[in-house]
PDB file of N, CA and C in Angstrom:
ATOM      1  N   MET A   1       0.840  -1.178   0.000  1.00  0.00           N
ATOM      2  CA  MET A   1       0.000   0.000   0.000  1.00  0.00           C
ATOM      3  C   MET A   1       0.891   1.250   0.000  1.00  0.00           C
ATOM      4  N   MET A   2       0.590   2.185  -0.886  1.00  0.00           N
ATOM      5  CA  MET A   2       1.385   3.398  -0.995  1.00  0.00           C
ATOM      6  C   MET A   2       1.115   4.337   0.174  1.00  0.00           C
ATOM      7  N   LYS A   3       2.166   5.006   0.589  1.00  0.00           N
ATOM      8  CA  LYS A   3       2.014   6.052   1.600  1.00  0.00           C
ATOM      9  C   LYS A   3       1.355   7.255   0.934  1.00  0.00           C
ATOM     10  N   ARG A   4       0.765   8.118   1.753  1.00  0.00           N
ATOM     11  CA  ARG A   4       0.074   9.291   1.220  1.00  0.00           C
ATOM     12  C   ARG A   4       1.016  10.171   0.406  1.00  0.00           C
ATOM     13  N   VAL A   5       2.251  10.349   0.839  1.00  0.00           N
ATOM     14  CA  VAL A   5       3.193  11.180   0.100  1.00  0.00           C
ATOM     15  C   VAL A   5       3.365  10.645  -1.324  1.00  0.00           C
ATOM     16  N   GLU A   6       3.424   9.337  -1.475  1.00  0.00           N
ATOM     17  CA  GLU A   6       3.562   8.719  -2.799  1.00  0.00           C
ATOM     18  C   GLU A   6       2.295   8.908  -3.630  1.00  0.00           C
ATOM     19  N   ARG A   7       1.144   8.785  -3.001  1.00  0.00           N
ATOM     20  CA  ARG A   7      -0.121   8.991  -3.728  1.00  0.00           C
ATOM     21  C   ARG A   7      -0.237  10.431  -4.215  1.00  0.00           C
ATOM     22  N   ILE A   8       0.204  11.376  -3.393  1.00  0.00           N
ATOM     23  CA  ILE A   8       0.186  12.781  -3.791  1.00  0.00           C
ATOM     24  C   ILE A   8       1.112  12.993  -4.982  1.00  0.00           C
ATOM     25  N   GLU A   9       2.314  12.444  -4.910  1.00  0.00           N
ATOM     26  CA  GLU A   9       3.270  12.566  -6.012  1.00  0.00           C
ATOM     27  C   GLU A   9       2.704  12.007  -7.304  1.00  0.00           C
ATOM     28  N   VAL A  10       2.112  10.835  -7.236  1.00  0.00           N
ATOM     29  CA  VAL A  10       1.545  10.196  -8.427  1.00  0.00           C
ATOM     30  C   VAL A  10       0.390  11.018  -8.988  1.00  0.00           C
ATOM     31  N   ALA A  11      -0.522  11.437  -8.131  1.00  0.00           N
ATOM     32  CA  ALA A  11      -1.695  12.192  -8.584  1.00  0.00           C
ATOM     33  C   ALA A  11      -1.277  13.479  -9.276  1.00  0.00           C
ATOM     34  N   LEU A  12      -0.352  14.214  -8.687  1.00  0.00           N
ATOM     35  CA  LEU A  12       0.080  15.479  -9.283  1.00  0.00           C
ATOM     36  C   LEU A  12       0.877  15.250 -10.564  1.00  0.00           C
ATOM     37  N   SER A  13       1.738  14.242 -10.571  1.00  0.00           N
ATOM     38  CA  SER A  13       2.537  13.938 -11.758  1.00  0.00           C
ATOM     39  C   SER A  13       1.674  13.489 -12.933  1.00  0.00           C
ATOM     40  N   GLU A  14       0.617  12.761 -12.646  1.00  0.00           N
ATOM     41  CA  GLU A  14      -0.271  12.299 -13.712  1.00  0.00           C
ATOM     42  C   GLU A  14      -1.166  13.417 -14.241  1.00  0.00           C
ATOM     43  N   ALA A  15      -1.511  14.380 -13.391  1.00  0.00           N
ATOM     44  CA  ALA A  15      -2.442  15.445 -13.776  1.00  0.00           C
ATOM     45  C   ALA A  15      -1.756  16.655 -14.415  1.00  0.00           C
ATOM     46  N   LEU A  16      -0.473  16.867 -14.094  1.00  0.00           N
ATOM     47  CA  LEU A  16       0.223  18.074 -14.538  1.00  0.00           C
ATOM     48  C   LEU A  16       1.574  17.735 -15.161  1.00  0.00           C
ATOM     49  N   ALA A  17       2.000  18.552 -16.106  1.00  0.00           N
ATOM     50  CA  ALA A  17       3.346  18.431 -16.666  1.00  0.00           C
ATOM     51  C   ALA A  17       4.278  19.238 -15.769  1.00  0.00           C
ATOM     52  N   LEU A  18       4.911  18.577 -14.827  1.00  0.00           N
ATOM     53  CA  LEU A  18       5.733  19.244 -13.815  1.00  0.00           C
ATOM     54  C   LEU A  18       7.202  19.245 -14.204  1.00  0.00           C
ATOM     55  N   THR A  19       7.873  20.354 -13.935  1.00  0.00           N
ATOM     56  CA  THR A  19       9.323  20.400 -14.099  1.00  0.00           C
ATOM     57  C   THR A  19      10.014  20.218 -12.761  1.00  0.00           C
ATOM     58  N   HIS A  20       9.247  20.331 -11.677  1.00  0.00           N
ATOM     59  CA  HIS A  20       9.793  20.124 -10.335  1.00  0.00           C
ATOM     60  C   HIS A  20       8.643  19.773  -9.400  1.00  0.00           C
ATOM     61  N   LEU A  21       8.865  18.812  -8.525  1.00  0.00           N
ATOM     62  CA  LEU A  21       7.874  18.438  -7.528  1.00  0.00           C
ATOM     63  C   LEU A  21       8.569  17.948  -6.275  1.00  0.00           C
ATOM     64  N   GLU A  22       8.184  18.523  -5.151  1.00  0.00           N
ATOM     65  CA  GLU A  22       8.620  18.053  -3.837  1.00  0.00           C
ATOM     66  C   GLU A  22       7.369  17.884  -2.993  1.00  0.00           C
ATOM     67  N   VAL A  23       7.251  16.747  -2.342  1.00  0.00           N
ATOM     68  CA  VAL A  23       6.144  16.522  -1.421  1.00  0.00           C
ATOM     69  C   VAL A  23       6.757  16.092  -0.094  1.00  0.00           C
ATOM     70  N   LEU A  24       6.482  16.858   0.943  1.00  0.00           N
ATOM     71  CA  LEU A  24       7.045  16.580   2.258  1.00  0.00           C
ATOM     72  C   LEU A  24       5.934  16.314   3.262  1.00  0.00           C
ATOM     73  N   ASP A  25       6.093  15.243   4.028  1.00  0.00           N
ATOM     74  CA  ASP A  25       5.166  14.938   5.117  1.00  0.00           C
ATOM     75  C   ASP A  25       5.637  15.711   6.342  1.00  0.00           C
ATOM     76  N   GLU A  26       4.874  16.719   6.731  1.00  0.00           N
ATOM     77  CA  GLU A  26       5.223  17.562   7.873  1.00  0.00           C
ATOM     78  C   GLU A  26       4.414  17.205   9.117  1.00  0.00           C
ATOM     79  N   SER A  27       3.792  16.043   9.110  1.00  0.00           N
ATOM     80  CA  SER A  27       2.915  15.639  10.213  1.00  0.00           C
ATOM     81  C   SER A  27       3.640  15.568  11.551  1.00  0.00           C
ATOM     82  N   SER A  28       4.907  15.175  11.526  1.00  0.00           N
ATOM     83  CA  SER A  28       5.644  15.009  12.783  1.00  0.00           C
ATOM     84  C   SER A  28       5.804  16.328  13.539  1.00  0.00           C
ATOM     85  N   GLY A  29       5.652  17.458  12.857  1.00  0.00           N
ATOM     86  CA  GLY A  29       5.765  18.754  13.502  1.00  0.00           C
ATOM     87  C   GLY A  29       4.450  19.255  14.077  1.00  0.00           C
ATOM     88  N   HIS A  30       3.431  18.412  14.069  1.00  0.00           N
ATOM     89  CA  HIS A  30       2.110  18.793  14.552  1.00  0.00           C
ATOM     90  C   HIS A  30       1.663  17.830  15.650  1.00  0.00           C
ATOM     91  N   ASN A  31       0.662  18.234  16.397  1.00  0.00           N
ATOM     92  CA  ASN A  31       0.164  17.426  17.500  1.00  0.00           C
ATOM     93  C   ASN A  31      -0.814  16.375  16.971  1.00  0.00           C
ATOM     94  N   VAL A  32      -0.237  15.370  16.304  1.00  0.00           N
ATOM     95  CA  VAL A  32      -1.025  14.271  15.738  1.00  0.00           C
ATOM     96  C   VAL A  32      -0.355  12.957  16.111  1.00  0.00           C
ATOM     97  N   PRO A  33      -1.092  11.862  16.088  1.00  0.00           N
ATOM     98  CA  PRO A  33      -0.471  10.574  16.390  1.00  0.00           C
ATOM     99  C   PRO A  33       0.643  10.243  15.398  1.00  0.00           C
ATOM    100  N   GLU A  34       1.651   9.511  15.851  1.00  0.00           N
ATOM    101  CA  GLU A  34       2.743   9.097  14.976  1.00  0.00           C
ATOM    102  C   GLU A  34       2.185   8.331  13.788  1.00  0.00           C
ATOM    103  N   GLY A  35       2.684   8.654  12.600  1.00  0.00           N
ATOM    104  CA  GLY A  35       2.229   7.982  11.382  1.00  0.00           C
ATOM    105  C   GLY A  35       0.910   8.499  10.848  1.00  0.00           C
ATOM    106  N   ALA A  36       0.466   9.655  11.314  1.00  0.00           N
ATOM    107  CA  ALA A  36      -0.850  10.179  10.945  1.00  0.00           C
ATOM    108  C   ALA A  36      -0.961  10.558   9.471  1.00  0.00           C
ATOM    109  N   GLU A  37       0.120  10.942   8.827  1.00  0.00           N
ATOM    110  CA  GLU A  37       0.100  11.381   7.428  1.00  0.00           C
ATOM    111  C   GLU A  37      -1.028  12.394   7.184  1.00  0.00           C
ATOM    112  N   SER A  38      -0.989  13.481   7.960  1.00  0.00           N
ATOM    113  CA  SER A  38      -2.093  14.444   7.921  1.00  0.00           C
ATOM    114  C   SER A  38      -1.709  15.830   7.417  1.00  0.00           C
ATOM    115  N   HIS A  39      -0.439  16.196   7.491  1.00  0.00           N
ATOM    116  CA  HIS A  39       0.014  17.536   7.126  1.00  0.00           C
ATOM    117  C   HIS A  39       1.129  17.441   6.079  1.00  0.00           C
ATOM    118  N   PHE A  40       0.934  18.105   4.949  1.00  0.00           N
ATOM    119  CA  PHE A  40       1.889  18.007   3.852  1.00  0.00           C
ATOM    120  C   PHE A  40       2.238  19.360   3.270  1.00  0.00           C
ATOM    121  N   LYS A  41       3.403  19.405   2.648  1.00  0.00           N
ATOM    122  CA  LYS A  41       3.861  20.584   1.917  1.00  0.00           C
ATOM    123  C   LYS A  41       4.191  20.134   0.502  1.00  0.00           C
ATOM    124  N   VAL A  42       3.696  20.897  -0.477  1.00  0.00           N
ATOM    125  CA  VAL A  42       3.969  20.605  -1.879  1.00  0.00           C
ATOM    126  C   VAL A  42       4.650  21.819  -2.500  1.00  0.00           C
ATOM    127  N   VAL A  43       5.767  21.582  -3.173  1.00  0.00           N
ATOM    128  CA  VAL A  43       6.429  22.583  -3.997  1.00  0.00           C
ATOM    129  C   VAL A  43       6.346  22.065  -5.420  1.00  0.00           C
ATOM    130  N   ALA A  44       5.687  22.828  -6.299  1.00  0.00           N
ATOM    131  CA  ALA A  44       5.475  22.371  -7.675  1.00  0.00           C
ATOM    132  C   ALA A  44       5.784  23.493  -8.652  1.00  0.00           C
ATOM    133  N   VAL A  45       6.427  23.120  -9.763  1.00  0.00           N
ATOM    134  CA  VAL A  45       6.733  24.055 -10.838  1.00  0.00           C
ATOM    135  C   VAL A  45       6.223  23.439 -12.133  1.00  0.00           C
ATOM    136  N   SER A  46       5.468  24.240 -12.900  1.00  0.00           N
ATOM    137  CA  SER A  46       4.923  23.740 -14.151  1.00  0.00           C
ATOM    138  C   SER A  46       4.564  24.881 -15.090  1.00  0.00           C
ATOM    139  N   GLU A  47       4.725  24.651 -16.369  1.00  0.00           N
ATOM    140  CA  GLU A  47       4.253  25.589 -17.394  1.00  0.00           C
ATOM    141  C   GLU A  47       2.736  25.737 -17.293  1.00  0.00           C
ATOM    142  N   SER A  48       2.061  24.735 -16.755  1.00  0.00           N
ATOM    143  CA  SER A  48       0.599  24.765 -16.603  1.00  0.00           C
ATOM    144  C   SER A  48       0.138  25.939 -15.753  1.00  0.00           C
ATOM    145  N   PHE A  49       1.019  26.492 -14.933  1.00  0.00           N
ATOM    146  CA  PHE A  49       0.646  27.564 -14.016  1.00  0.00           C
ATOM    147  C   PHE A  49       0.824  28.965 -14.615  1.00  0.00           C
ATOM    148  N   VAL A  50       1.411  29.041 -15.810  1.00  0.00           N
ATOM    149  CA  VAL A  50       1.623  30.341 -16.447  1.00  0.00           C
ATOM    150  C   VAL A  50       0.274  31.021 -16.655  1.00  0.00           C
ATOM    151  N   GLY A  51       0.178  32.259 -16.196  1.00  0.00           N
ATOM    152  CA  GLY A  51      -1.036  33.048 -16.385  1.00  0.00           C
ATOM    153  C   GLY A  51      -2.167  32.736 -15.421  1.00  0.00           C
ATOM    154  N   GLN A  52      -1.987  31.743 -14.545  1.00  0.00           N
ATOM    155  CA  GLN A  52      -3.021  31.409 -13.566  1.00  0.00           C
ATOM    156  C   GLN A  52      -2.771  32.179 -12.270  1.00  0.00           C
ATOM    157  N   SER A  53      -3.842  32.646 -11.668  1.00  0.00           N
ATOM    158  CA  SER A  53      -3.713  33.320 -10.380  1.00  0.00           C
ATOM    159  C   SER A  53      -3.318  32.309  -9.308  1.00  0.00           C
ATOM    160  N   ARG A  54      -2.797  32.830  -8.229  1.00  0.00           N
ATOM    161  CA  ARG A  54      -2.397  31.971  -7.101  1.00  0.00           C
ATOM    162  C   ARG A  54      -3.586  31.157  -6.592  1.00  0.00           C
ATOM    163  N   ILE A  55      -4.747  31.800  -6.471  1.00  0.00           N
ATOM    164  CA  ILE A  55      -5.930  31.092  -5.966  1.00  0.00           C
ATOM    165  C   ILE A  55      -6.368  29.994  -6.926  1.00  0.00           C
ATOM    166  N   ASN A  56      -6.281  30.226  -8.227  1.00  0.00           N
ATOM    167  CA  ASN A  56      -6.661  29.183  -9.185  1.00  0.00           C
ATOM    168  C   ASN A  56      -5.682  28.012  -9.166  1.00  0.00           C
ATOM    169  N   ARG A  57      -4.417  28.296  -8.941  1.00  0.00           N
ATOM    170  CA  ARG A  57      -3.428  27.225  -8.811  1.00  0.00           C
ATOM    171  C   ARG A  57      -3.751  26.363  -7.585  1.00  0.00           C
ATOM    172  N   HIS A  58      -4.061  27.019  -6.484  1.00  0.00           N
ATOM    173  CA  HIS A  58      -4.404  26.295  -5.258  1.00  0.00           C
ATOM    174  C   HIS A  58      -5.677  25.477  -5.450  1.00  0.00           C
ATOM    175  N   ARG A  59      -6.666  26.065  -6.076  1.00  0.00           N
ATOM    176  CA  ARG A  59      -7.907  25.323  -6.339  1.00  0.00           C
ATOM    177  C   ARG A  59      -7.643  24.081  -7.183  1.00  0.00           C
ATOM    178  N   LEU A  60      -6.803  24.223  -8.201  1.00  0.00           N
ATOM    179  CA  LEU A  60      -6.484  23.091  -9.072  1.00  0.00           C
ATOM    180  C   LEU A  60      -5.838  21.958  -8.281  1.00  0.00           C
ATOM    181  N   LEU A  61      -4.827  22.268  -7.480  1.00  0.00           N
ATOM    182  CA  LEU A  61      -4.158  21.213  -6.721  1.00  0.00           C
ATOM    183  C   LEU A  61      -5.077  20.613  -5.664  1.00  0.00           C
ATOM    184  N   ASN A  62      -5.882  21.454  -5.014  1.00  0.00           N
ATOM    185  CA  ASN A  62      -6.834  20.925  -4.036  1.00  0.00           C
ATOM    186  C   ASN A  62      -7.835  19.990  -4.704  1.00  0.00           C
ATOM    187  N   GLU A  63      -8.269  20.331  -5.910  1.00  0.00           N
ATOM    188  CA  GLU A  63      -9.196  19.470  -6.648  1.00  0.00           C
ATOM    189  C   GLU A  63      -8.539  18.139  -7.009  1.00  0.00           C
ATOM    190  N   ILE A  64      -7.306  18.202  -7.497  1.00  0.00           N
ATOM    191  CA  ILE A  64      -6.578  16.976  -7.854  1.00  0.00           C
ATOM    192  C   ILE A  64      -6.424  16.069  -6.636  1.00  0.00           C
ATOM    193  N   LEU A  65      -6.233  16.662  -5.468  1.00  0.00           N
ATOM    194  CA  LEU A  65      -5.964  15.893  -4.250  1.00  0.00           C
ATOM    195  C   LEU A  65      -7.181  15.739  -3.338  1.00  0.00           C
ATOM    196  N   GLN A  66      -8.369  15.993  -3.857  1.00  0.00           N
ATOM    197  CA  GLN A  66      -9.590  15.912  -3.044  1.00  0.00           C
ATOM    198  C   GLN A  66      -9.740  14.562  -2.354  1.00  0.00           C
ATOM    199  N   SER A  67      -9.396  13.491  -3.034  1.00  0.00           N
ATOM    200  CA  SER A  67      -9.550  12.163  -2.424  1.00  0.00           C
ATOM    201  C   SER A  67      -8.660  12.011  -1.191  1.00  0.00           C
ATOM    202  N   GLU A  68      -7.510  12.688  -1.167  1.00  0.00           N
ATOM    203  CA  GLU A  68      -6.638  12.632   0.015  1.00  0.00           C
ATOM    204  C   GLU A  68      -7.256  13.405   1.176  1.00  0.00           C
ATOM    205  N   PHE A  69      -7.884  14.545   0.882  1.00  0.00           N
ATOM    206  CA  PHE A  69      -8.602  15.272   1.937  1.00  0.00           C
ATOM    207  C   PHE A  69      -9.753  14.418   2.463  1.00  0.00           C
ATOM    208  N   ASP A  70     -10.482  13.778   1.550  1.00  0.00           N
ATOM    209  CA  ASP A  70     -11.588  12.903   1.943  1.00  0.00           C
ATOM    210  C   ASP A  70     -11.101  11.737   2.795  1.00  0.00           C
ATOM    211  N   GLY A  71      -9.853  11.322   2.572  1.00  0.00           N
ATOM    212  CA  GLY A  71      -9.276  10.195   3.299  1.00  0.00           C
ATOM    213  C   GLY A  71      -8.534  10.579   4.560  1.00  0.00           C
ATOM    214  N   GLY A  72      -8.632  11.834   5.004  1.00  0.00           N
ATOM    215  CA  GLY A  72      -8.047  12.204   6.286  1.00  0.00           C
ATOM    216  C   GLY A  72      -6.897  13.195   6.253  1.00  0.00           C
ATOM    217  N   MET A  73      -6.445  13.618   5.067  1.00  0.00           N
ATOM    218  CA  MET A  73      -5.405  14.639   5.040  1.00  0.00           C
ATOM    219  C   MET A  73      -5.998  15.924   5.604  1.00  0.00           C
ATOM    220  N   HIS A  74      -5.308  16.533   6.534  1.00  0.00           N
ATOM    221  CA  HIS A  74      -5.842  17.696   7.247  1.00  0.00           C
ATOM    222  C   HIS A  74      -5.346  19.019   6.676  1.00  0.00           C
ATOM    223  N   ALA A  75      -4.068  19.073   6.293  1.00  0.00           N
ATOM    224  CA  ALA A  75      -3.488  20.342   5.864  1.00  0.00           C
ATOM    225  C   ALA A  75      -2.538  20.135   4.698  1.00  0.00           C
ATOM    226  N   LEU A  76      -2.543  21.128   3.789  1.00  0.00           N
ATOM    227  CA  LEU A  76      -1.690  21.075   2.614  1.00  0.00           C
ATOM    228  C   LEU A  76      -1.141  22.475   2.347  1.00  0.00           C
ATOM    229  N   ALA A  77       0.155  22.655   2.592  1.00  0.00           N
ATOM    230  CA  ALA A  77       0.823  23.926   2.302  1.00  0.00           C
ATOM    231  C   ALA A  77       1.300  23.867   0.859  1.00  0.00           C
ATOM    232  N   LEU A  78       0.882  24.838   0.047  1.00  0.00           N
ATOM    233  CA  LEU A  78       1.202  24.821  -1.376  1.00  0.00           C
ATOM    234  C   LEU A  78       2.142  25.960  -1.747  1.00  0.00           C
ATOM    235  N   HIS A  79       3.196  25.613  -2.450  1.00  0.00           N
ATOM    236  CA  HIS A  79       4.167  26.570  -2.985  1.00  0.00           C
ATOM    237  C   HIS A  79       4.242  26.242  -4.478  1.00  0.00           C
ATOM    238  N   ILE A  80       3.516  27.022  -5.281  1.00  0.00           N
ATOM    239  CA  ILE A  80       3.285  26.685  -6.687  1.00  0.00           C
ATOM    240  C   ILE A  80       3.838  27.802  -7.567  1.00  0.00           C
ATOM    241  N   TYR A  81       4.689  27.428  -8.514  1.00  0.00           N
ATOM    242  CA  TYR A  81       5.353  28.412  -9.361  1.00  0.00           C
ATOM    243  C   TYR A  81       5.286  28.010 -10.831  1.00  0.00           C
ATOM    244  N   ASP A  82       5.278  29.024 -11.705  1.00  0.00           N
ATOM    245  CA  ASP A  82       5.575  28.718 -13.101  1.00  0.00           C
ATOM    246  C   ASP A  82       7.100  28.817 -13.219  1.00  0.00           C
ATOM    247  N   PRO A  83       7.702  28.305 -14.294  1.00  0.00           N
ATOM    248  CA  PRO A  83       9.172  28.268 -14.371  1.00  0.00           C
ATOM    249  C   PRO A  83       9.846  29.636 -14.213  1.00  0.00           C
ATOM    250  N   GLN A  84       9.266  30.692 -14.773  1.00  0.00           N
ATOM    251  CA  GLN A  84       9.882  32.007 -14.656  1.00  0.00           C
ATOM    252  C   GLN A  84       9.838  32.520 -13.220  1.00  0.00           C
ATOM    253  N   GLN A  85       8.735  32.281 -12.532  1.00  0.00           N
ATOM    254  CA  GLN A  85       8.639  32.675 -11.124  1.00  0.00           C
ATOM    255  C   GLN A  85       9.693  31.950 -10.292  1.00  0.00           C
ATOM    256  N   TRP A  86       9.906  30.676 -10.586  1.00  0.00           N
ATOM    257  CA  TRP A  86      10.928  29.905  -9.877  1.00  0.00           C
ATOM    258  C   TRP A  86      12.304  30.526 -10.109  1.00  0.00           C
ATOM    259  N   LEU A  87      12.621  30.819 -11.378  1.00  0.00           N
ATOM    260  CA  LEU A  87      13.912  31.426 -11.694  1.00  0.00           C
ATOM    261  C   LEU A  87      14.079  32.771 -11.002  1.00  0.00           C
ATOM    262  N   ASP A  88      13.027  33.590 -11.024  1.00  0.00           N
ATOM    263  CA  ASP A  88      13.089  34.898 -10.388  1.00  0.00           C
ATOM    264  C   ASP A  88      13.333  34.776  -8.884  1.00  0.00           C
ATOM    265  N   LYS A  89      12.714  33.784  -8.267  1.00  0.00           N
ATOM    266  CA  LYS A  89      12.810  33.630  -6.816  1.00  0.00           C
ATOM    267  C   LYS A  89      14.107  32.940  -6.381  1.00  0.00           C
ATOM    268  N   PHE A  90      14.524  31.913  -7.136  1.00  0.00           N
ATOM    269  CA  PHE A  90      15.648  31.086  -6.699  1.00  0.00           C
ATOM    270  C   PHE A  90      16.897  31.203  -7.570  1.00  0.00           C
ATOM    271  N   GLY A  91      16.776  31.842  -8.740  1.00  0.00           N
ATOM    272  CA  GLY A  91      17.937  32.093  -9.579  1.00  0.00           C
ATOM    273  C   GLY A  91      18.530  30.885 -10.270  1.00  0.00           C
ATOM    274  N   GLN A  92      17.802  29.807 -10.323  1.00  0.00           N
ATOM    275  CA  GLN A  92      18.302  28.611 -11.001  1.00  0.00           C
ATOM    276  C   GLN A  92      17.112  27.803 -11.502  1.00  0.00           C
ATOM    277  N   ALA A  93      17.367  26.946 -12.467  1.00  0.00           N
ATOM    278  CA  ALA A  93      16.304  26.092 -12.987  1.00  0.00           C
ATOM    279  C   ALA A  93      15.875  25.115 -11.904  1.00  0.00           C
ATOM    280  N   PRO A  94      14.578  24.773 -11.859  1.00  0.00           N
ATOM    281  CA  PRO A  94      14.130  23.798 -10.855  1.00  0.00           C
ATOM    282  C   PRO A  94      14.728  22.429 -11.128  1.00  0.00           C
ATOM    283  N   MET A  95      14.923  21.665 -10.062  1.00  0.00           N
ATOM    284  CA  MET A  95      15.417  20.301 -10.197  1.00  0.00           C
ATOM    285  C   MET A  95      14.345  19.467 -10.887  1.00  0.00           C
ATOM    286  N   SER A  96      14.763  18.506 -11.665  1.00  0.00           N
ATOM    287  CA  SER A  96      13.812  17.613 -12.320  1.00  0.00           C
ATOM    288  C   SER A  96      13.104  16.765 -11.280  1.00  0.00           C
ATOM    289  N   PRO A  97      11.820  16.441 -11.536  1.00  0.00           N
ATOM    290  CA  PRO A  97      11.133  15.560 -10.598  1.00  0.00           C
ATOM    291  C   PRO A  97      11.752  14.164 -10.646  1.00  0.00           C
ATOM    292  N   PRO A  98      11.635  13.408  -9.548  1.00  0.00           N
ATOM    293  CA  PRO A  98      12.206  12.066  -9.537  1.00  0.00           C
ATOM    294  C   PRO A  98      11.504  11.173 -10.557  1.00  0.00           C
ATOM    295  N   CYS A  99      12.265  10.266 -11.117  1.00  0.00           N
ATOM    296  CA  CYS A  99      11.738   9.323 -12.096  1.00  0.00           C
ATOM    297  C   CYS A  99      11.040   8.186 -11.355  1.00  0.00           C
ATOM    298  N   ALA A 100       9.810   7.949 -11.660  1.00  0.00           N
ATOM    299  CA  ALA A 100       9.027   6.910 -10.971  1.00  0.00           C
ATOM    300  C   ALA A 100       9.587   5.526 -11.285  1.00  0.00           C
ATOM    301  N   GLY A 101      10.369   4.986 -10.365  1.00  0.00           N
ATOM    302  CA  GLY A 101      10.889   3.634 -10.509  1.00  0.00           C
ATOM    303  C   GLY A 101      12.019   3.507 -11.511  1.00  0.00           C
ATOM    304  N   GLY A 102      12.537   4.613 -12.027  1.00  0.00           N
ATOM    305  CA  GLY A 102      13.545   4.537 -13.060  1.00  0.00           C
ATOM    306  C   GLY A 102      14.973   4.679 -12.591  1.00  0.00           C
ATOM    307  N   GLU A 103      15.170   4.918 -11.301  1.00  0.00           N
ATOM    308  CA  GLU A 103      16.523   5.092 -10.847  1.00  0.00           C
ATOM    309  C   GLU A 103      17.258   3.755 -10.802  1.00  0.00           C
ATOM    310  N   LYS A 104      18.554   3.795 -11.067  1.00  0.00           N
ATOM    311  CA  LYS A 104      19.343   2.569 -11.067  1.00  0.00           C
ATOM    312  C   LYS A 104      19.690   2.180  -9.635  1.00  0.00           C
ATOM    313  N   SER A 105      19.668   0.914  -9.369  1.00  0.00           N
ATOM    314  CA  SER A 105      20.091   0.458  -8.051  1.00  0.00           C
ATOM    315  C   SER A 105      21.611   0.424  -7.999  1.00  0.00           C
ATOM    316  N   ALA A 106      22.162   0.439  -6.804  1.00  0.00           N
ATOM    317  CA  ALA A 106      23.617   0.445  -6.633  1.00  0.00           C
ATOM    318  C   ALA A 106      24.214  -0.757  -7.313  1.00  0.00           C
ATOM    319  N   GLY A 107      25.229  -0.513  -8.138  1.00  0.00           N
ATOM    320  CA  GLY A 107      25.927  -1.592  -8.800  1.00  0.00           C
ATOM    321  C   GLY A 107      25.307  -2.042 -10.104  1.00  0.00           C
ATOM    322  N   ALA A 108      24.091  -1.618 -10.380  1.00  0.00           N
ATOM    323  CA  ALA A 108      23.429  -2.022 -11.633  1.00  0.00           C
ATOM    324  C   ALA A 108      23.885  -1.116 -12.753  1.00  0.00           C
ATOM    325  N   GLU A 109      24.094  -1.661 -13.905  1.00  0.00           N
ATOM    326  CA  GLU A 109      24.524  -0.880 -15.059  1.00  0.00           C
ATOM    327  C   GLU A 109      23.581  -1.125 -16.195  1.00  0.00           C
TER     328      GLU A 109
END
């Protein structure tokens, strides 16, 4: 069974053409039972966000992740950028999102 962080990554990756995605489980910093998987932070960069207002970007991600809210996710901190906003803020291109299952294991060629 996938952890919530993995389900969030998959849902966002399948719904959007992302150039960068980070999903962090921040539940341990809140007063919740261990393993609660209730509080998350998402950093996402995509051309899909060009010309969209901040509120529309948030609505889109909340809609994509509605099933996680329905399943007990309590909080979602969103940091959503188009590529130019990312460059303006951080001065470098965003890191590529991780390849789903494509990384080589140690020693494999």
